[in-house]
Protein backbone atom coordinates (compact mmCIF):
# COMPACT_ATOMS: atom_id res chain seq x y z
CA MET A 1 49.23 99.19 3.93
CA LYS A 2 46.01 100.73 6.46
CA ILE A 3 43.18 101.25 3.95
CA LEU A 4 40.18 103.77 4.81
CA PHE A 5 36.89 103.78 2.90
CA LEU A 6 34.32 105.87 2.68
CA THR A 7 31.08 105.57 0.58
CA ASP A 8 27.65 105.41 1.76
CA ASN A 9 26.13 102.14 0.29
CA PHE A 10 27.86 98.86 1.37
CA TYR A 11 26.86 95.18 2.20
CA PRO A 12 24.32 93.88 3.01
CA GLU A 13 23.06 96.05 0.62
CA ALA A 14 22.33 94.88 -2.61
CA ASN A 15 22.93 97.51 -5.10
CA ALA A 16 26.05 98.27 -7.83
CA PRO A 17 28.25 100.54 -5.06
CA ALA A 18 27.82 98.43 -2.29
CA ASN A 19 29.04 94.81 -4.47
CA ARG A 20 31.68 96.91 -5.71
CA THR A 21 33.39 98.18 -2.60
CA HIS A 22 32.77 95.00 -0.74
CA GLU A 23 34.00 92.43 -3.37
CA HIS A 24 36.71 94.76 -3.85
CA CYS A 25 37.84 95.46 0.08
CA ARG A 26 37.23 91.83 0.31
CA GLU A 27 40.27 91.11 -2.19
CA TRP A 28 42.67 93.85 -0.49
CA VAL A 29 42.13 92.20 3.15
CA LYS A 30 43.41 88.81 1.19
CA LEU A 31 46.04 90.80 -0.36
CA GLY A 32 47.48 91.58 2.91
CA ALA A 33 45.97 95.48 3.47
CA GLU A 34 44.06 96.38 6.35
CA VAL A 35 41.06 97.77 5.39
CA THR A 36 38.13 99.94 7.24
CA VAL A 37 34.88 101.23 5.59
CA VAL A 38 33.14 103.99 7.03
CA THR A 39 29.02 103.67 5.69
CA CYS A 40 25.61 104.29 7.13
CA VAL A 41 23.33 100.77 8.28
CA PRO A 42 21.95 99.09 5.67
CA ASN A 43 18.96 101.12 4.00
CA PHE A 44 19.07 101.33 0.46
CA PRO A 45 16.71 101.82 -1.43
CA LYS A 46 13.74 101.93 0.55
CA GLY A 47 14.96 104.00 3.34
CA VAL A 48 13.84 101.08 5.81
CA VAL A 49 16.85 100.15 8.17
CA PHE A 50 17.99 96.47 7.74
CA GLU A 51 16.90 93.83 10.08
CA GLY A 52 19.36 93.14 12.76
CA TYR A 53 20.80 97.31 12.66
CA LYS A 54 19.99 99.94 14.31
CA ASN A 55 20.58 103.74 13.42
CA LYS A 56 23.02 104.28 16.26
CA LEU A 57 25.37 107.21 16.23
CA TYR A 58 28.61 104.86 16.01
CA GLN A 59 28.87 101.08 15.55
CA LYS A 60 31.53 98.85 14.06
CA GLU A 61 31.53 94.94 13.07
CA MET A 62 33.45 93.27 10.80
CA ILE A 63 32.40 91.12 7.69
CA ASP A 64 35.13 89.28 5.80
CA GLY A 65 37.82 90.46 7.16
CA ILE A 66 36.93 94.46 6.59
CA LYS A 67 36.36 96.75 9.65
CA VAL A 68 33.40 97.86 8.94
CA VAL A 69 32.47 101.33 10.82
CA ARG A 70 28.65 102.22 10.76
CA VAL A 71 28.07 105.89 11.47
CA TRP A 72 24.34 107.67 12.12
CA SER A 73 23.16 109.43 8.79
CA TYR A 74 19.01 111.37 8.21
CA ILE A 75 17.20 108.31 6.56
CA THR A 76 14.91 108.29 3.86
CA ALA A 77 14.21 106.20 0.95
CA ASN A 78 15.63 106.95 -2.51
CA GLU A 79 13.11 109.27 -3.77
CA GLY A 80 12.49 113.14 -3.30
CA THR A 81 15.77 115.38 -3.82
CA ILE A 82 15.43 117.63 -0.30
CA LYS A 83 15.34 114.53 1.73
CA ARG A 84 18.26 112.35 -0.28
CA ILE A 85 20.54 115.62 -0.06
CA VAL A 86 20.25 115.59 3.45
CA ASP A 87 20.71 112.07 3.86
CA TYR A 88 23.96 112.45 1.42
CA ILE A 89 24.99 115.28 3.75
CA SER A 90 24.11 114.26 7.29
CA TYR A 91 26.13 110.93 5.98
CA ALA A 92 29.56 112.77 4.86
CA VAL A 93 29.45 114.74 8.14
CA VAL A 94 29.50 112.22 10.59
CA ALA A 95 31.61 109.57 8.61
CA PHE A 96 34.41 112.52 8.44
CA PHE A 97 34.09 113.02 12.11
CA ALA A 98 34.10 109.07 12.99
CA ALA A 99 36.71 108.62 10.24
CA LEU A 100 39.34 111.36 11.99
CA PHE A 101 40.11 108.73 15.21
CA HIS A 102 41.07 105.86 12.29
CA ARG A 103 44.44 105.35 11.36
CA THR A 104 45.11 105.04 7.61
CA ASP A 105 47.84 105.15 4.84
CA ILE A 106 45.26 106.19 2.12
CA ILE A 107 41.85 107.58 2.25
CA ILE A 108 39.19 106.66 -0.81
CA ALA A 109 35.88 108.50 -1.28
CA THR A 110 33.37 107.52 -3.70
CA SER A 111 31.45 109.14 -5.90
CA PRO A 112 28.50 110.15 -6.44
CA GLN A 113 27.69 112.10 -4.65
CA PHE A 114 29.89 114.96 -4.29
CA PHE A 115 29.67 115.39 -0.68
CA THR A 116 30.97 112.23 0.59
CA ALA A 117 33.65 113.18 -1.55
CA ILE A 118 34.46 116.01 -0.12
CA SER A 119 34.85 114.52 3.40
CA GLY A 120 37.57 112.50 1.98
CA ALA A 121 39.54 115.57 0.71
CA ILE A 122 38.55 117.46 3.89
CA LEU A 123 40.01 114.33 5.81
CA SER A 124 43.28 114.13 3.55
CA PHE A 125 44.13 117.66 4.43
CA PHE A 126 43.69 116.87 8.25
CA LYS A 127 44.98 113.63 8.60
CA ARG A 128 48.08 114.77 5.60
CA LYS A 129 47.51 111.39 4.05
CA PRO A 130 46.69 110.96 -0.03
CA TRP A 131 43.46 110.30 -1.23
CA ILE A 132 41.87 109.03 -3.78
CA MET A 133 38.51 109.98 -5.72
CA GLU A 134 36.46 107.19 -6.87
CA VAL A 135 34.44 108.48 -9.80
CA ARG A 136 31.63 105.81 -10.84
CA ASP A 137 29.22 109.08 -12.36
CA ILE A 138 29.98 112.11 -13.56
CA TRP A 139 28.35 114.93 -11.24
CA PRO A 140 27.08 116.98 -11.80
CA GLU A 141 25.73 116.42 -15.63
CA SER A 142 24.30 112.88 -14.73
CA ILE A 143 21.76 114.39 -12.08
CA VAL A 144 21.06 117.23 -14.57
CA ALA A 145 20.09 115.01 -17.02
CA VAL A 146 17.84 112.79 -14.88
CA THR A 147 16.36 115.88 -13.04
CA ALA A 148 16.46 118.44 -15.60
CA MET A 149 17.87 121.33 -13.54
CA THR A 150 18.25 123.93 -15.21
CA ASN A 151 19.79 126.45 -13.23
CA LYS A 152 22.92 127.80 -14.44
CA SER A 153 24.10 129.26 -11.08
CA VAL A 154 23.28 125.93 -9.02
CA ILE A 155 25.46 123.99 -11.85
CA SER A 156 27.70 126.22 -11.99
CA PHE A 157 28.47 126.12 -8.06
CA LEU A 158 28.29 122.45 -8.16
CA GLU A 159 30.92 122.42 -11.44
CA ASN A 160 33.82 124.66 -9.50
CA ILE A 161 33.08 121.76 -6.57
CA GLU A 162 33.95 119.51 -8.88
CA LYS A 163 37.07 120.74 -10.71
CA GLN A 164 38.67 121.17 -6.75
CA LEU A 165 38.18 117.47 -6.22
CA TYR A 166 39.66 116.38 -9.04
CA ARG A 167 42.47 118.84 -8.47
CA SER A 168 42.80 117.52 -4.92
CA ALA A 169 42.95 113.94 -5.48
CA SER A 170 46.46 112.35 -5.39
CA SER A 171 45.06 109.93 -8.14
CA ILE A 172 41.36 109.56 -9.46
CA ILE A 173 39.83 105.83 -10.38
CA ALA A 174 37.68 105.69 -12.97
CA VAL A 175 34.61 103.27 -13.83
CA ARG A 176 35.06 103.84 -17.43
CA ASP A 177 36.78 104.60 -20.70
CA SER A 178 34.64 107.94 -21.65
CA PHE A 179 35.05 109.21 -17.92
CA LYS A 180 38.80 109.37 -18.15
CA ILE A 181 38.46 111.30 -21.72
CA ASN A 182 35.71 113.50 -19.82
CA LEU A 183 38.01 114.25 -17.16
CA ILE A 184 40.51 115.08 -19.55
CA SER A 185 38.31 117.32 -21.17
CA LYS A 186 38.16 119.53 -17.87
CA GLY A 187 41.24 119.95 -17.52
CA VAL A 188 42.55 116.65 -15.26
CA ASN A 189 45.97 115.68 -15.47
CA SER A 190 45.49 112.16 -17.42
CA ASP A 191 48.55 110.78 -15.34
CA LYS A 192 46.86 111.17 -12.42
CA ILE A 193 43.45 109.13 -13.96
CA PHE A 194 42.98 105.31 -13.71
CA ILE A 195 40.39 103.12 -15.26
CA VAL A 196 38.96 100.38 -13.11
CA LYS A 197 35.88 98.90 -14.70
CA ASN A 198 32.93 97.07 -12.63
CA GLY A 199 32.67 93.33 -13.10
CA VAL A 200 31.35 90.42 -11.53
CA SER A 201 32.41 88.10 -8.41
CA LEU A 202 32.29 84.81 -10.36
CA ASP A 203 32.08 82.85 -7.12
CA ASN A 204 28.44 84.36 -6.47
CA PHE A 205 27.62 84.17 -10.16
CA PHE A 206 27.33 81.37 -12.37
CA PRO A 207 25.46 79.40 -14.32
CA ARG A 208 23.03 77.29 -12.30
CA GLU A 209 19.57 75.28 -13.15
CA LYS A 210 16.70 77.44 -12.66
CA ASP A 211 14.50 77.16 -9.49
CA THR A 212 11.47 75.58 -10.23
CA PHE A 213 10.23 76.37 -6.89
CA LEU A 214 10.31 80.78 -7.83
CA ILE A 215 8.80 79.77 -11.55
CA GLU A 216 6.19 77.76 -9.81
CA ARG A 217 5.79 80.20 -6.34
CA LEU A 218 5.48 83.40 -9.48
CA LYS A 219 2.76 80.89 -12.02
CA LEU A 220 5.52 82.02 -14.57
CA GLU A 221 5.71 78.19 -15.63
CA ASN A 222 5.97 77.86 -19.93
CA LYS A 223 6.82 81.53 -20.00
CA THR A 224 10.04 83.05 -21.91
CA ILE A 225 10.48 85.32 -18.59
CA VAL A 226 12.63 88.86 -20.00
CA GLY A 227 13.96 90.05 -16.05
CA TYR A 228 14.73 94.00 -15.16
CA PHE A 229 16.31 93.81 -11.31
CA GLY A 230 17.72 96.89 -9.95
CA THR A 231 16.48 100.47 -9.39
CA HIS A 232 13.41 101.82 -10.98
CA GLY A 233 14.50 105.08 -10.74
CA MET A 234 14.05 108.83 -13.50
CA ALA A 235 17.01 107.35 -15.01
CA HIS A 236 15.61 103.87 -16.17
CA LYS A 237 12.64 105.21 -17.97
CA LEU A 238 11.23 101.75 -16.90
CA ASP A 239 7.72 102.99 -18.50
CA PHE A 240 8.74 102.81 -21.69
CA ILE A 241 9.18 99.15 -21.14
CA LEU A 242 5.29 99.04 -19.89
CA GLU A 243 4.32 100.62 -22.94
CA CYS A 244 6.20 97.93 -24.91
CA ALA A 245 4.49 95.13 -22.78
CA LYS A 246 1.13 96.52 -23.77
CA GLU A 247 1.82 96.27 -27.73
CA ILE A 248 3.10 92.69 -27.24
CA ASP A 249 0.26 90.35 -27.93
CA ASP A 250 2.30 86.93 -27.49
CA ASP A 251 1.30 85.33 -24.27
CA SER A 252 3.98 83.29 -23.44
CA ILE A 253 6.33 86.55 -23.18
CA HIS A 254 6.25 87.75 -19.68
CA PHE A 255 8.16 90.51 -17.95
CA LEU A 256 9.75 90.35 -14.45
CA PHE A 257 11.05 93.33 -12.56
CA ILE A 258 12.58 93.42 -9.11
CA GLY A 259 14.03 96.63 -7.49
CA ASP A 260 12.63 99.94 -5.71
CA GLY A 261 13.32 103.23 -6.59
CA ALA A 262 11.97 106.77 -6.91
CA GLU A 263 9.71 105.65 -9.48
CA ARG A 264 8.75 102.29 -8.49
CA GLU A 265 5.21 103.61 -7.24
CA ARG A 266 4.11 105.90 -10.52
CA LEU A 267 5.13 102.33 -12.37
CA LEU A 268 3.02 99.98 -10.34
CA LYS A 269 0.16 102.47 -11.18
CA LEU A 270 0.99 102.85 -14.41
CA LYS A 271 0.62 98.93 -14.37
CA ASP A 272 -3.03 98.70 -13.22
CA GLN A 273 -4.05 101.66 -15.28
CA MET A 274 -3.02 99.59 -18.83
CA ASN A 275 -4.05 96.05 -16.98
CA LEU A 276 -0.63 94.02 -17.89
CA ASN A 277 -0.94 90.47 -16.93
CA ASN A 278 2.30 90.29 -18.25
CA VAL A 279 4.22 92.14 -16.14
CA THR A 280 4.77 90.72 -12.56
CA MET A 281 6.76 93.38 -10.50
CA LEU A 282 8.63 92.62 -6.80
CA SER A 283 9.61 94.65 -4.23
CA SER A 284 13.99 94.40 -4.07
CA VAL A 285 15.45 90.48 -2.75
CA ALA A 286 18.56 90.32 -0.23
CA LYS A 287 21.75 90.37 -2.16
CA ASN A 288 22.01 86.22 -2.18
CA GLU A 289 18.89 85.95 -3.33
CA ILE A 290 19.46 87.44 -6.56
CA PRO A 291 21.30 84.55 -8.17
CA GLY A 292 18.03 82.82 -7.64
CA TYR A 293 15.71 85.02 -9.79
CA ILE A 294 18.60 85.30 -11.99
CA SER A 295 18.47 81.66 -12.72
CA ILE A 296 14.61 81.90 -14.01
CA ILE A 297 14.60 84.70 -16.72
CA ASP A 298 15.63 83.87 -19.84
CA ILE A 299 16.70 87.25 -21.28
CA ALA A 300 18.21 90.47 -18.98
CA LEU A 301 16.20 93.31 -19.38
CA VAL A 302 18.88 96.94 -19.57
CA ASN A 303 17.07 100.13 -20.13
CA LEU A 304 18.07 103.27 -19.44
CA LYS A 305 16.24 106.91 -20.72
CA LYS A 306 17.72 108.31 -24.01
CA SER A 307 19.95 110.59 -23.54
CA ASP A 308 23.29 111.64 -24.11
CA THR A 309 25.20 111.34 -20.95
CA PHE A 310 24.49 107.96 -20.73
CA LEU A 311 26.08 107.28 -23.34
CA SER A 312 29.44 106.89 -20.80
CA VAL A 313 26.84 104.71 -18.72
CA ILE A 314 28.17 100.85 -18.09
CA PRO A 315 25.48 99.34 -16.30
CA SER A 316 26.94 96.59 -13.55
CA LYS A 317 23.90 94.23 -14.00
CA ILE A 318 25.09 93.41 -18.03
CA PHE A 319 28.34 91.63 -15.92
CA GLU A 320 26.14 89.47 -13.64
CA ASN A 321 23.65 88.39 -16.05
CA ALA A 322 26.67 87.49 -18.39
CA ALA A 323 28.07 85.55 -15.44
CA MET A 324 25.22 83.47 -15.42
CA GLU A 325 25.00 82.82 -19.06
CA LYS A 326 21.63 84.69 -19.52
CA PRO A 327 21.89 86.84 -22.95
CA ILE A 328 21.89 90.45 -22.59
CA LEU A 329 18.59 92.78 -24.44
CA LEU A 330 20.54 96.32 -23.90
CA GLY A 331 18.46 99.84 -24.55
CA VAL A 332 21.78 101.79 -24.00
CA SER A 333 23.81 103.06 -26.48
CA GLY A 334 27.59 104.11 -26.28
CA GLU A 335 29.97 102.58 -24.65
CA THR A 336 27.80 99.33 -23.05
CA LYS A 337 26.41 98.99 -26.28
CA GLY A 338 30.08 98.45 -27.82
CA ILE A 339 30.88 95.59 -24.89
CA ILE A 340 27.83 93.86 -25.68
CA GLU A 341 28.21 93.75 -29.82
CA TYR A 342 31.85 93.11 -29.35
CA TYR A 343 31.40 90.01 -27.05
CA LYS A 344 28.51 89.17 -28.46
CA ALA A 345 26.95 88.55 -25.35
CA GLY A 346 23.10 90.16 -26.66
CA LEU A 347 21.41 92.05 -28.79
CA CYS A 348 21.21 95.96 -28.82
CA PHE A 349 18.07 98.23 -29.26
CA GLU A 350 17.45 101.96 -29.95
CA PRO A 351 16.78 103.54 -26.48
CA GLU A 352 12.92 104.32 -26.18
CA ASN A 353 12.53 103.32 -29.79
CA LYS A 354 9.14 100.70 -29.16
CA VAL A 355 9.69 99.12 -32.62
CA ASP A 356 13.00 98.46 -32.66
CA PHE A 357 12.44 97.00 -28.80
CA ILE A 358 10.12 94.62 -29.91
CA ASP A 359 11.82 93.73 -32.76
CA LYS A 360 15.18 92.85 -30.95
CA LEU A 361 13.07 90.67 -28.38
CA ASN A 362 11.68 88.45 -30.62
CA ARG A 363 14.91 88.16 -32.20
CA ILE A 364 16.99 87.08 -28.81
CA ARG A 365 14.05 84.76 -27.90
CA LYS A 366 14.46 82.72 -30.90
CA ASN A 367 17.85 81.18 -29.86
CA THR A 368 19.25 82.50 -26.22
CA ASN A 369 22.13 80.13 -26.55
CA LEU A 370 23.72 81.75 -29.28
CA TYR A 371 24.68 84.32 -26.99
CA VAL A 372 26.72 81.38 -24.24
CA THR A 373 29.85 82.24 -25.46
CA GLY A 374 29.99 85.75 -25.66
CA CYS A 375 28.30 86.00 -21.99
CA LYS A 376 31.43 83.51 -20.66
CA LYS A 377 34.07 85.59 -22.80
CA LEU A 378 32.59 88.87 -21.40
CA ALA A 379 32.51 87.63 -17.44
CA PHE A 380 35.59 86.08 -17.84
CA ASP A 381 37.32 89.12 -18.76
CA TYR A 382 35.64 91.39 -16.12
CA ASN A 383 36.00 88.72 -13.18
CA ARG A 384 36.40 91.33 -10.13
CA ARG A 385 38.61 89.34 -8.13
CA SER A 386 41.26 90.55 -11.34
CA LEU A 387 39.96 94.27 -11.10
CA ALA A 388 40.27 94.38 -7.55
CA ARG A 389 44.19 93.37 -7.62
CA ILE A 390 44.46 96.17 -10.57
CA TYR A 391 43.06 98.92 -8.08
CA PHE A 392 45.64 97.60 -5.37
CA SER A 393 48.46 97.75 -7.58
CA ILE A 394 47.05 101.56 -8.32
CA LEU A 395 46.47 102.35 -4.09
CA HIS A 396 50.00 100.51 -3.40
CA ASP A 397 51.80 102.51 -5.83
CA VAL A 398 49.73 106.16 -4.63
CA TYR A 399 50.91 104.80 -0.69
CA LYS A 400 55.04 104.41 -1.65
CA LEU A 401 54.97 107.95 -3.35
CA HIS A 402 53.77 109.19 -0.21
């Protein structure tokens, strides 16, 4: 079976979409599939091309048995709405033309954002091959929640595109149970919707001794380190965490932020304005360095803006931290809260509630070992290798039907 996968994020980028696609495709190759990924040059989230790459019109490489085709796109940092839209469209258009020349039995296009999915749908029409839409977020609902978009005409236009994409796809792979419910409410046939949740590669993330060199370099000896590693965007409401850090008098508690995003510069300025000595903010690091940084933290922080839209969101970082047996301090309601509470892998606080945040932080730090067993169970159940095999069986069924 030949699989053609369209995604604008891929290894060596280290965000959740890149990790998911890379790890799934790697397993499919092991299962005998011929996989081609059409993507752009790695540049997320800073909008700077990674060392060793150039933003050429077309280039190829092999990664873990995966044929990777990288195409030109307009590159910008993960900030500024207009520039990012141009980025998305440029990739989608060039990727479409590049993918036309690759033989395939099945096409997968991942969303968000819409434009990649549109390319997948049009490719399916021209190549007369089934296409699968991978839904990692519900657009335009999520973008409306983050940016407070209010133009009803624009929202209606985007919703119409959304419905057309759902209708044209042979199958839909959703990453959350709540997404299936959402899609069914929009009239999508439930028989074509399958759930393959995010997870973690246990080959890369596993318990290990703390990296004492890192601790010394960051001057964090004898600290209880609360770590947030990931995108610093509007959805993550990290200014709330800085405000909480200001309220904490205990010098032994230290917050470590690692990542980039649209809000990072503002957060850095806010940190300086608040004169926070208990917060360290580092830029994003290479994917292979992330486990080392996770090893030094005592508590993993996962936070999102308070919004009903995010009740269905399951941040992938919960799986990586759980696999390394780091208890999770969660500021997300809904489906993710249910997972953490079910496995007893940490504590949950009400989003944007300072009193509750500080209370749960103090409780979790008193006995972090209490949550180790739950973290182990959570990571085992969300092993990416097993999830990739489930995904592959769905692809195989679609392939046989067509």
